[in-house]
Amino acid sequence: MVRNRIRRRLRAIVRDALPGMAPGAYLFGAGPEAATLPYEELRTTVNQALRAVTSR
């Protein structure tokens, strides 16, 4: 149950971020603690990680 919740949340966040993502392959992962984060905090964390990766 927790795993599926995390997957759904990450999928939604990445779908919103797709227009700003550079072409390439991305692999997203998160531990069980990600399920306890508020959605906005998880989205902020994912977006910060994406910026760090795409700025290289």
PDB file of N, CA and C in Angstrom:
ATOM      1  N   MET A   1       0.805  -1.192   0.000  1.00  0.00           N
ATOM      2  CA  MET A   1       0.000   0.000   0.000  1.00  0.00           C
ATOM      3  C   MET A   1       0.858   1.270   0.000  1.00  0.00           C
ATOM      4  N   VAL A   2       1.852   1.310   0.867  1.00  0.00           N
ATOM      5  CA  VAL A   2       2.726   2.482   0.948  1.00  0.00           C
ATOM      6  C   VAL A   2       3.482   2.650  -0.363  1.00  0.00           C
ATOM      7  N   ARG A   3       3.984   1.559  -0.886  1.00  0.00           N
ATOM      8  CA  ARG A   3       4.746   1.606  -2.131  1.00  0.00           C
ATOM      9  C   ARG A   3       3.904   2.194  -3.269  1.00  0.00           C
ATOM     10  N   ASN A   4       2.665   1.753  -3.376  1.00  0.00           N
ATOM     11  CA  ASN A   4       1.804   2.256  -4.441  1.00  0.00           C
ATOM     12  C   ASN A   4       1.480   3.733  -4.258  1.00  0.00           C
ATOM     13  N   ARG A   5       1.321   4.151  -3.021  1.00  0.00           N
ATOM     14  CA  ARG A   5       1.051   5.570  -2.766  1.00  0.00           C
ATOM     15  C   ARG A   5       2.230   6.420  -3.216  1.00  0.00           C
ATOM     16  N   ILE A   6       3.426   5.984  -2.887  1.00  0.00           N
ATOM     17  CA  ILE A   6       4.627   6.723  -3.292  1.00  0.00           C
ATOM     18  C   ILE A   6       4.726   6.758  -4.817  1.00  0.00           C
ATOM     19  N   ARG A   7       4.481   5.633  -5.454  1.00  0.00           N
ATOM     20  CA  ARG A   7       4.559   5.582  -6.919  1.00  0.00           C
ATOM     21  C   ARG A   7       3.568   6.538  -7.570  1.00  0.00           C
ATOM     22  N   ARG A   8       2.333   6.567  -7.068  1.00  0.00           N
ATOM     23  CA  ARG A   8       1.315   7.463  -7.625  1.00  0.00           C
ATOM     24  C   ARG A   8       1.712   8.924  -7.433  1.00  0.00           C
ATOM     25  N   ARG A   9       2.220   9.240  -6.264  1.00  0.00           N
ATOM     26  CA  ARG A   9       2.610  10.625  -5.983  1.00  0.00           C
ATOM     27  C   ARG A   9       3.792  11.045  -6.857  1.00  0.00           C
ATOM     28  N   LEU A  10       4.801  10.191  -6.976  1.00  0.00           N
ATOM     29  CA  LEU A  10       5.949  10.521  -7.819  1.00  0.00           C
ATOM     30  C   LEU A  10       5.545  10.656  -9.283  1.00  0.00           C
ATOM     31  N   ARG A  11       4.676   9.769  -9.739  1.00  0.00           N
ATOM     32  CA  ARG A  11       4.198   9.829 -11.122  1.00  0.00           C
ATOM     33  C   ARG A  11       3.511  11.168 -11.406  1.00  0.00           C
ATOM     34  N   ALA A  12       2.680  11.615 -10.493  1.00  0.00           N
ATOM     35  CA  ALA A  12       1.973  12.889 -10.664  1.00  0.00           C
ATOM     36  C   ALA A  12       2.948  14.068 -10.669  1.00  0.00           C
ATOM     37  N   ILE A  13       3.920  14.029  -9.791  1.00  0.00           N
ATOM     38  CA  ILE A  13       4.906  15.115  -9.719  1.00  0.00           C
ATOM     39  C   ILE A  13       5.727  15.175 -10.992  1.00  0.00           C
ATOM     40  N   VAL A  14       6.181  14.036 -11.466  1.00  0.00           N
ATOM     41  CA  VAL A  14       7.007  13.994 -12.674  1.00  0.00           C
ATOM     42  C   VAL A  14       6.188  14.393 -13.900  1.00  0.00           C
ATOM     43  N   ARG A  15       4.937  13.976 -13.963  1.00  0.00           N
ATOM     44  CA  ARG A  15       4.074  14.351 -15.090  1.00  0.00           C
ATOM     45  C   ARG A  15       3.968  15.871 -15.185  1.00  0.00           C
ATOM     46  N   ASP A  16       3.836  16.553 -14.049  1.00  0.00           N
ATOM     47  CA  ASP A  16       3.770  18.012 -14.045  1.00  0.00           C
ATOM     48  C   ASP A  16       5.100  18.643 -14.434  1.00  0.00           C
ATOM     49  N   ALA A  17       6.201  17.973 -14.128  1.00  0.00           N
ATOM     50  CA  ALA A  17       7.531  18.517 -14.400  1.00  0.00           C
ATOM     51  C   ALA A  17       8.023  18.212 -15.811  1.00  0.00           C
ATOM     52  N   LEU A  18       7.378  17.305 -16.525  1.00  0.00           N
ATOM     53  CA  LEU A  18       7.854  16.864 -17.838  1.00  0.00           C
ATOM     54  C   LEU A  18       8.182  17.987 -18.819  1.00  0.00           C
ATOM     55  N   PRO A  19       7.353  19.015 -18.952  1.00  0.00           N
ATOM     56  CA  PRO A  19       7.678  20.061 -19.928  1.00  0.00           C
ATOM     57  C   PRO A  19       9.027  20.735 -19.686  1.00  0.00           C
ATOM     58  N   GLY A  20       9.472  20.802 -18.450  1.00  0.00           N
ATOM     59  CA  GLY A  20      10.734  21.456 -18.141  1.00  0.00           C
ATOM     60  C   GLY A  20      11.928  20.524 -18.070  1.00  0.00           C
ATOM     61  N   MET A  21      11.710  19.241 -18.308  1.00  0.00           N
ATOM     62  CA  MET A  21      12.801  18.277 -18.182  1.00  0.00           C
ATOM     63  C   MET A  21      13.565  18.142 -19.496  1.00  0.00           C
ATOM     64  N   ALA A  22      14.872  18.037 -19.377  1.00  0.00           N
ATOM     65  CA  ALA A  22      15.713  17.814 -20.549  1.00  0.00           C
ATOM     66  C   ALA A  22      15.504  16.386 -21.047  1.00  0.00           C
ATOM     67  N   PRO A  23      15.704  16.163 -22.338  1.00  0.00           N
ATOM     68  CA  PRO A  23      15.574  14.796 -22.866  1.00  0.00           C
ATOM     69  C   PRO A  23      16.569  13.864 -22.174  1.00  0.00           C
ATOM     70  N   GLY A  24      16.161  12.642 -22.003  1.00  0.00           N
ATOM     71  CA  GLY A  24      17.029  11.656 -21.375  1.00  0.00           C
ATOM     72  C   GLY A  24      16.233  10.684 -20.544  1.00  0.00           C
ATOM     73  N   ALA A  25      16.948   9.818 -19.873  1.00  0.00           N
ATOM     74  CA  ALA A  25      16.314   8.815 -19.020  1.00  0.00           C
ATOM     75  C   ALA A  25      16.481   9.233 -17.566  1.00  0.00           C
ATOM     76  N   TYR A  26      15.427   9.112 -16.814  1.00  0.00           N
ATOM     77  CA  TYR A  26      15.444   9.460 -15.403  1.00  0.00           C
ATOM     78  C   TYR A  26      14.946   8.270 -14.605  1.00  0.00           C
ATOM     79  N   LEU A  27      15.550   8.032 -13.485  1.00  0.00           N
ATOM     80  CA  LEU A  27      15.117   6.973 -12.583  1.00  0.00           C
ATOM     81  C   LEU A  27      14.834   7.626 -11.233  1.00  0.00           C
ATOM     82  N   PHE A  28      13.600   7.501 -10.780  1.00  0.00           N
ATOM     83  CA  PHE A  28      13.200   8.091  -9.517  1.00  0.00           C
ATOM     84  C   PHE A  28      13.033   6.994  -8.487  1.00  0.00           C
ATOM     85  N   GLY A  29      13.485   7.262  -7.306  1.00  0.00           N
ATOM     86  CA  GLY A  29      13.308   6.313  -6.213  1.00  0.00           C
ATOM     87  C   GLY A  29      13.062   7.067  -4.929  1.00  0.00           C
ATOM     88  N   ALA A  30      12.351   6.429  -4.028  1.00  0.00           N
ATOM     89  CA  ALA A  30      12.073   7.044  -2.737  1.00  0.00           C
ATOM     90  C   ALA A  30      11.859   5.949  -1.708  1.00  0.00           C
ATOM     91  N   GLY A  31      12.259   6.224  -0.507  1.00  0.00           N
ATOM     92  CA  GLY A  31      12.057   5.277   0.582  1.00  0.00           C
ATOM     93  C   GLY A  31      10.670   5.431   1.190  1.00  0.00           C
ATOM     94  N   PRO A  32      10.328   4.533   2.090  1.00  0.00           N
ATOM     95  CA  PRO A  32       8.997   4.560   2.714  1.00  0.00           C
ATOM     96  C   PRO A  32       8.670   5.873   3.421  1.00  0.00           C
ATOM     97  N   GLU A  33       9.696   6.580   3.880  1.00  0.00           N
ATOM     98  CA  GLU A  33       9.448   7.845   4.570  1.00  0.00           C
ATOM     99  C   GLU A  33       8.843   8.891   3.644  1.00  0.00           C
ATOM    100  N   ALA A  34       8.988   8.726   2.338  1.00  0.00           N
ATOM    101  CA  ALA A  34       8.387   9.659   1.377  1.00  0.00           C
ATOM    102  C   ALA A  34       6.864   9.658   1.479  1.00  0.00           C
ATOM    103  N   ALA A  35       6.284   8.564   1.917  1.00  0.00           N
ATOM    104  CA  ALA A  35       4.830   8.478   2.050  1.00  0.00           C
ATOM    105  C   ALA A  35       4.312   9.362   3.181  1.00  0.00           C
ATOM    106  N   THR A  36       5.178   9.723   4.112  1.00  0.00           N
ATOM    107  CA  THR A  36       4.737  10.540   5.238  1.00  0.00           C
ATOM    108  C   THR A  36       4.903  12.034   4.982  1.00  0.00           C
ATOM    109  N   LEU A  37       5.622  12.389   3.907  1.00  0.00           N
ATOM    110  CA  LEU A  37       5.814  13.799   3.575  1.00  0.00           C
ATOM    111  C   LEU A  37       4.534  14.382   2.999  1.00  0.00           C
ATOM    112  N   PRO A  38       4.236  15.624   3.323  1.00  0.00           N
ATOM    113  CA  PRO A  38       3.121  16.275   2.635  1.00  0.00           C
ATOM    114  C   PRO A  38       3.444  16.361   1.140  1.00  0.00           C
ATOM    115  N   TYR A  39       2.425  16.326   0.309  1.00  0.00           N
ATOM    116  CA  TYR A  39       2.615  16.314  -1.149  1.00  0.00           C
ATOM    117  C   TYR A  39       3.483  17.480  -1.614  1.00  0.00           C
ATOM    118  N   GLU A  40       3.214  18.671  -1.112  1.00  0.00           N
ATOM    119  CA  GLU A  40       3.978  19.851  -1.545  1.00  0.00           C
ATOM    120  C   GLU A  40       5.454  19.724  -1.192  1.00  0.00           C
ATOM    121  N   GLU A  41       5.750  19.161  -0.048  1.00  0.00           N
ATOM    122  CA  GLU A  41       7.149  18.980   0.355  1.00  0.00           C
ATOM    123  C   GLU A  41       7.835  17.945  -0.541  1.00  0.00           C
ATOM    124  N   LEU A  42       7.131  16.871  -0.860  1.00  0.00           N
ATOM    125  CA  LEU A  42       7.686  15.864  -1.758  1.00  0.00           C
ATOM    126  C   LEU A  42       7.918  16.464  -3.137  1.00  0.00           C
ATOM    127  N   ARG A  43       6.966  17.246  -3.613  1.00  0.00           N
ATOM    128  CA  ARG A  43       7.109  17.893  -4.933  1.00  0.00           C
ATOM    129  C   ARG A  43       8.310  18.836  -4.945  1.00  0.00           C
ATOM    130  N   THR A  44       8.470  19.609  -3.894  1.00  0.00           N
ATOM    131  CA  THR A  44       9.613  20.523  -3.799  1.00  0.00           C
ATOM    132  C   THR A  44      10.927  19.752  -3.819  1.00  0.00           C
ATOM    133  N   THR A  45      10.995  18.661  -3.087  1.00  0.00           N
ATOM    134  CA  THR A  45      12.206  17.841  -3.026  1.00  0.00           C
ATOM    135  C   THR A  45      12.534  17.245  -4.391  1.00  0.00           C
ATOM    136  N   VAL A  46      11.520  16.713  -5.074  1.00  0.00           N
ATOM    137  CA  VAL A  46      11.738  16.128  -6.402  1.00  0.00           C
ATOM    138  C   VAL A  46      12.183  17.214  -7.378  1.00  0.00           C
ATOM    139  N   ASN A  47      11.545  18.366  -7.351  1.00  0.00           N
ATOM    140  CA  ASN A  47      11.918  19.446  -8.266  1.00  0.00           C
ATOM    141  C   ASN A  47      13.332  19.948  -8.004  1.00  0.00           C
ATOM    142  N   GLN A  48      13.745  20.000  -6.755  1.00  0.00           N
ATOM    143  CA  GLN A  48      15.123  20.396  -6.434  1.00  0.00           C
ATOM    144  C   GLN A  48      16.110  19.376  -6.982  1.00  0.00           C
ATOM    145  N   ALA A  49      15.778  18.104  -6.850  1.00  0.00           N
ATOM    146  CA  ALA A  49      16.649  17.049  -7.381  1.00  0.00           C
ATOM    147  C   ALA A  49      16.733  17.138  -8.899  1.00  0.00           C
ATOM    148  N   LEU A  50      15.613  17.396  -9.549  1.00  0.00           N
ATOM    149  CA  LEU A  50      15.617  17.527 -11.008  1.00  0.00           C
ATOM    150  C   LEU A  50      16.475  18.707 -11.451  1.00  0.00           C
ATOM    151  N   ARG A  51      16.346  19.830 -10.761  1.00  0.00           N
ATOM    152  CA  ARG A  51      17.177  20.983 -11.111  1.00  0.00           C
ATOM    153  C   ARG A  51      18.657  20.677 -10.950  1.00  0.00           C
ATOM    154  N   ALA A  52      19.016  19.978  -9.879  1.00  0.00           N
ATOM    155  CA  ALA A  52      20.411  19.624  -9.637  1.00  0.00           C
ATOM    156  C   ALA A  52      20.949  18.718 -10.735  1.00  0.00           C
ATOM    157  N   VAL A  53      20.144  17.794 -11.186  1.00  0.00           N
ATOM    158  CA  VAL A  53      20.588  16.841 -12.217  1.00  0.00           C
ATOM    159  C   VAL A  53      20.645  17.502 -13.584  1.00  0.00           C
ATOM    160  N   THR A  54      19.664  18.309 -13.912  1.00  0.00           N
ATOM    161  CA  THR A  54      19.617  18.899 -15.254  1.00  0.00           C
ATOM    162  C   THR A  54      20.539  20.107 -15.406  1.00  0.00           C
ATOM    163  N   SER A  55      21.045  20.640 -14.306  1.00  0.00           N
ATOM    164  CA  SER A  55      21.943  21.787 -14.410  1.00  0.00           C
ATOM    165  C   SER A  55      23.380  21.386 -14.697  1.00  0.00           C
ATOM    166  N   ARG A  56      23.656  20.110 -14.687  1.00  0.00           N
ATOM    167  CA  ARG A  56      25.030  19.631 -14.920  1.00  0.00           C
ATOM    168  C   ARG A  56      25.389  19.648 -16.374  1.00  0.00           C
TER     169      ARG A  56
END
